[in-house]
């Protein structure tokens, strides 16, 4: 399903709603094949409405395609919402068992197979805040297997960084995880600042065989893309999920 197509919303149900980090909720939704059968590419998203008359919000799917048949996970930022996610407050407060309406999985997602095959050996991942959601789906999809993968994940402080309990498993799967905190406080021994600055410090080892996935605020994405292309990475290999 693409932009401009008519969207047919279907019934779905919240199974769990748990804290993922300060200001973020991890929500598991049970949905049928008419919704999740279209979820085949990491980075795709769904639209969700509280009722048929509500305005829909757009949410990237955090779990990998097919990870649990009939179920998907979402990472939702607690906020008053905006044009893309007007139902955040309602959704973050919804209890297990709550019914909602959801679109089939939409969008092209991260075109890893199309853009990062062939001679791409190194893949750099960039996420900030809740932008880790579709990046997680890419990591756990297995589509980056056999490549050297490094994740730069930025947040203001440790409490605001989701999925820390998954870092060890990601590392075991071959992903080097580089947490980056802009206001770390006392005791932090890792990288500090913003992911784009850390990228500048580390550089790109082999630009000709490097690709990237990124999801986060506009300024971060623009700076990362500029740094990668300046280093010689093919712009066509710097991917977003939208």
Foldseek 3Di string as FASTA:
>chain_A
DAPPDDWDWDKKFWAAWADQFVQKIKIKIFAACQALVPQDAQLWWKWKDLDPPGDTAIFGWQAARPPDHRMTITMAGQDCDDNRHNCRPVVNPDHGGRMIIMTHTYADFWPCVVQQDDLAAEEEEEEEQSQCRSVNNVLNNCSCQRHQYEYEYEYAEPRRDGPPVCPVVSVVRRYHYAYEHAHYDPPDDGHYDHSLVVCVVVDDDDQVNYAYEYTYDPVNLVSNLVRSVVSPHDSSRHDYRD
